[in-house]
Amino acid sequence: MNVQLVQYVIALSEELSFTAAARRCGVSQPTITVGVARLERELGVALFRRKPKVVITPCGWQLLPLMYQIDHAARSIKQIAAAHHDAHRAVTLRAGG
């Protein structure tokens, strides 16, 4: 499961518009459409109904809190790694390396 696709699902669930979700994620609308469809295929379930308007399916609602946890965990990992990288760099610079 790709974290970026999870972020697309989160954006779409909050925006309920592929265009708005794409704008928010800084990608094209087809990128969101293909990404969400890819994750749905991978999971074997529909997360959204698309017509007549975008709505979250019952399964989508059930999985959404876990998607938020995945997103939060990924962001936390990046923050911790960045802090360690910065600390390591500061030590290396002080040591003259």
C-alpha atoms as a PDB file:
ATOM      1  CA  MET A   1       0.000   0.000   0.000  1.00  0.00           C
ATOM      2  CA  ASN A   2       1.404   3.336  -1.082  1.00  0.00           C
ATOM      3  CA  VAL A   3       1.195   6.199   1.440  1.00  0.00           C
ATOM      4  CA  GLN A   4       0.642   8.691  -1.391  1.00  0.00           C
ATOM      5  CA  LEU A   5      -2.503   6.806  -2.440  1.00  0.00           C
ATOM      6  CA  VAL A   6      -3.726   6.887   1.150  1.00  0.00           C
ATOM      7  CA  GLN A   7      -3.246  10.669   1.112  1.00  0.00           C
ATOM      8  CA  TYR A   8      -5.289  10.863  -2.108  1.00  0.00           C
ATOM      9  CA  VAL A   9      -8.115   8.934  -0.436  1.00  0.00           C
ATOM     10  CA  ILE A  10      -8.020  11.270   2.560  1.00  0.00           C
ATOM     11  CA  ALA A  11      -8.120  14.353   0.341  1.00  0.00           C
ATOM     12  CA  LEU A  12     -10.972  12.942  -1.730  1.00  0.00           C
ATOM     13  CA  SER A  13     -12.930  11.990   1.380  1.00  0.00           C
ATOM     14  CA  GLU A  14     -12.642  15.551   2.685  1.00  0.00           C
ATOM     15  CA  GLU A  15     -13.204  17.344  -0.620  1.00  0.00           C
ATOM     16  CA  LEU A  16     -15.687  14.928  -2.250  1.00  0.00           C
ATOM     17  CA  SER A  17     -14.368  16.227  -5.564  1.00  0.00           C
ATOM     18  CA  PHE A  18     -11.605  14.692  -7.648  1.00  0.00           C
ATOM     19  CA  THR A  19     -10.668  18.126  -8.974  1.00  0.00           C
ATOM     20  CA  ALA A  20     -10.467  19.717  -5.521  1.00  0.00           C
ATOM     21  CA  ALA A  21      -8.585  16.727  -4.101  1.00  0.00           C
ATOM     22  CA  ALA A  22      -6.084  16.932  -6.966  1.00  0.00           C
ATOM     23  CA  ARG A  23      -5.576  20.657  -6.421  1.00  0.00           C
ATOM     24  CA  ARG A  24      -5.027  20.058  -2.704  1.00  0.00           C
ATOM     25  CA  CYS A  25      -2.493  17.282  -3.369  1.00  0.00           C
ATOM     26  CA  GLY A  26      -0.718  19.273  -6.075  1.00  0.00           C
ATOM     27  CA  VAL A  27      -1.359  16.706  -8.787  1.00  0.00           C
ATOM     28  CA  SER A  28      -3.613  16.410 -11.818  1.00  0.00           C
ATOM     29  CA  GLN A  29      -7.191  15.187 -11.556  1.00  0.00           C
ATOM     30  CA  PRO A  30      -6.394  12.016 -13.556  1.00  0.00           C
ATOM     31  CA  THR A  31      -3.610  11.236 -11.065  1.00  0.00           C
ATOM     32  CA  ILE A  32      -6.130  11.234  -8.207  1.00  0.00           C
ATOM     33  CA  THR A  33      -8.644   9.218 -10.221  1.00  0.00           C
ATOM     34  CA  VAL A  34      -6.099   6.574 -11.226  1.00  0.00           C
ATOM     35  CA  GLY A  35      -4.515   6.490  -7.760  1.00  0.00           C
ATOM     36  CA  VAL A  36      -7.775   5.993  -5.888  1.00  0.00           C
ATOM     37  CA  ALA A  37      -8.891   3.339  -8.400  1.00  0.00           C
ATOM     38  CA  ARG A  38      -5.527   1.582  -7.997  1.00  0.00           C
ATOM     39  CA  LEU A  39      -5.904   1.444  -4.213  1.00  0.00           C
ATOM     40  CA  GLU A  40      -9.498   0.238  -4.557  1.00  0.00           C
ATOM     41  CA  ARG A  41      -8.303  -2.568  -6.866  1.00  0.00           C
ATOM     42  CA  GLU A  42      -5.522  -3.455  -4.459  1.00  0.00           C
ATOM     43  CA  LEU A  43      -7.978  -3.643  -1.552  1.00  0.00           C
ATOM     44  CA  GLY A  44     -10.717  -5.286  -3.612  1.00  0.00           C
ATOM     45  CA  VAL A  45     -13.381  -2.835  -2.432  1.00  0.00           C
ATOM     46  CA  ALA A  46     -14.908   0.449  -3.557  1.00  0.00           C
ATOM     47  CA  LEU A  47     -14.070   3.316  -1.224  1.00  0.00           C
ATOM     48  CA  PHE A  48     -16.194   5.829  -3.157  1.00  0.00           C
ATOM     49  CA  ARG A  49     -19.245   5.903  -5.367  1.00  0.00           C
ATOM     50  CA  ARG A  50     -18.623   8.337  -8.165  1.00  0.00           C
ATOM     51  CA  LYS A  51     -22.055   9.077  -9.662  1.00  0.00           C
ATOM     52  CA  PRO A  52     -24.147  11.128  -9.516  1.00  0.00           C
ATOM     53  CA  LYS A  53     -21.725  12.699  -7.030  1.00  0.00           C
ATOM     54  CA  VAL A  54     -18.748  11.465  -5.044  1.00  0.00           C
ATOM     55  CA  VAL A  55     -19.772   9.759  -1.794  1.00  0.00           C
ATOM     56  CA  ILE A  56     -17.823   7.552   0.566  1.00  0.00           C
ATOM     57  CA  THR A  57     -18.977   3.937   0.688  1.00  0.00           C
ATOM     58  CA  PRO A  58     -19.672   2.219   4.018  1.00  0.00           C
ATOM     59  CA  CYS A  59     -16.367   0.366   3.651  1.00  0.00           C
ATOM     60  CA  GLY A  60     -14.636   3.668   2.893  1.00  0.00           C
ATOM     61  CA  TRP A  61     -16.043   5.130   6.113  1.00  0.00           C
ATOM     62  CA  GLN A  62     -14.808   2.126   8.060  1.00  0.00           C
ATOM     63  CA  LEU A  63     -11.300   2.322   6.581  1.00  0.00           C
ATOM     64  CA  LEU A  64     -10.931   6.107   6.749  1.00  0.00           C
ATOM     65  CA  PRO A  65      -9.772   6.260  10.409  1.00  0.00           C
ATOM     66  CA  LEU A  66      -7.049   3.733   9.563  1.00  0.00           C
ATOM     67  CA  MET A  67      -6.046   5.820   6.537  1.00  0.00           C
ATOM     68  CA  TYR A  68      -5.613   8.809   8.869  1.00  0.00           C
ATOM     69  CA  GLN A  69      -3.453   6.660  11.164  1.00  0.00           C
ATOM     70  CA  ILE A  70      -1.269   5.601   8.228  1.00  0.00           C
ATOM     71  CA  ASP A  71      -0.897   9.226   7.117  1.00  0.00           C
ATOM     72  CA  HIS A  72      -0.083  10.370  10.647  1.00  0.00           C
ATOM     73  CA  ALA A  73       2.460   7.577  11.121  1.00  0.00           C
ATOM     74  CA  ALA A  74       4.163   8.386   7.808  1.00  0.00           C
ATOM     75  CA  ARG A  75       4.412  12.077   8.713  1.00  0.00           C
ATOM     76  CA  SER A  76       5.780  11.208  12.170  1.00  0.00           C
ATOM     77  CA  ILE A  77       8.401   8.920  10.645  1.00  0.00           C
ATOM     78  CA  LYS A  78       9.537  11.694   8.305  1.00  0.00           C
ATOM     79  CA  GLN A  79       9.726  14.227  11.173  1.00  0.00           C
ATOM     80  CA  ILE A  80      11.736  11.902  13.409  1.00  0.00           C
ATOM     81  CA  ALA A  81      14.088  10.970  10.576  1.00  0.00           C
ATOM     82  CA  ALA A  82      14.572  14.640   9.668  1.00  0.00           C
ATOM     83  CA  ALA A  83      15.374  15.508  13.294  1.00  0.00           C
ATOM     84  CA  HIS A  84      17.948  12.726  13.467  1.00  0.00           C
ATOM     85  CA  HIS A  85      19.401  13.759  10.129  1.00  0.00           C
ATOM     86  CA  ASP A  86      19.733  17.356  11.314  1.00  0.00           C
ATOM     87  CA  ALA A  87      21.283  16.264  14.623  1.00  0.00           C
ATOM     88  CA  HIS A  88      23.749  13.973  12.847  1.00  0.00           C
ATOM     89  CA  ARG A  89      24.682  16.728  10.430  1.00  0.00           C
ATOM     90  CA  ALA A  90      25.256  19.197  13.297  1.00  0.00           C
ATOM     91  CA  VAL A  91      27.530  16.708  15.080  1.00  0.00           C
ATOM     92  CA  THR A  92      29.444  15.999  11.869  1.00  0.00           C
ATOM     93  CA  LEU A  93      29.930  19.713  11.193  1.00  0.00           C
ATOM     94  CA  ARG A  94      31.149  20.353  14.751  1.00  0.00           C
ATOM     95  CA  ALA A  95      33.593  17.466  14.450  1.00  0.00           C
ATOM     96  CA  GLY A  96      35.007  18.953  11.287  1.00  0.00           C
ATOM     97  CA  GLY A  97      33.712  16.158   9.060  1.00  0.00           C
END
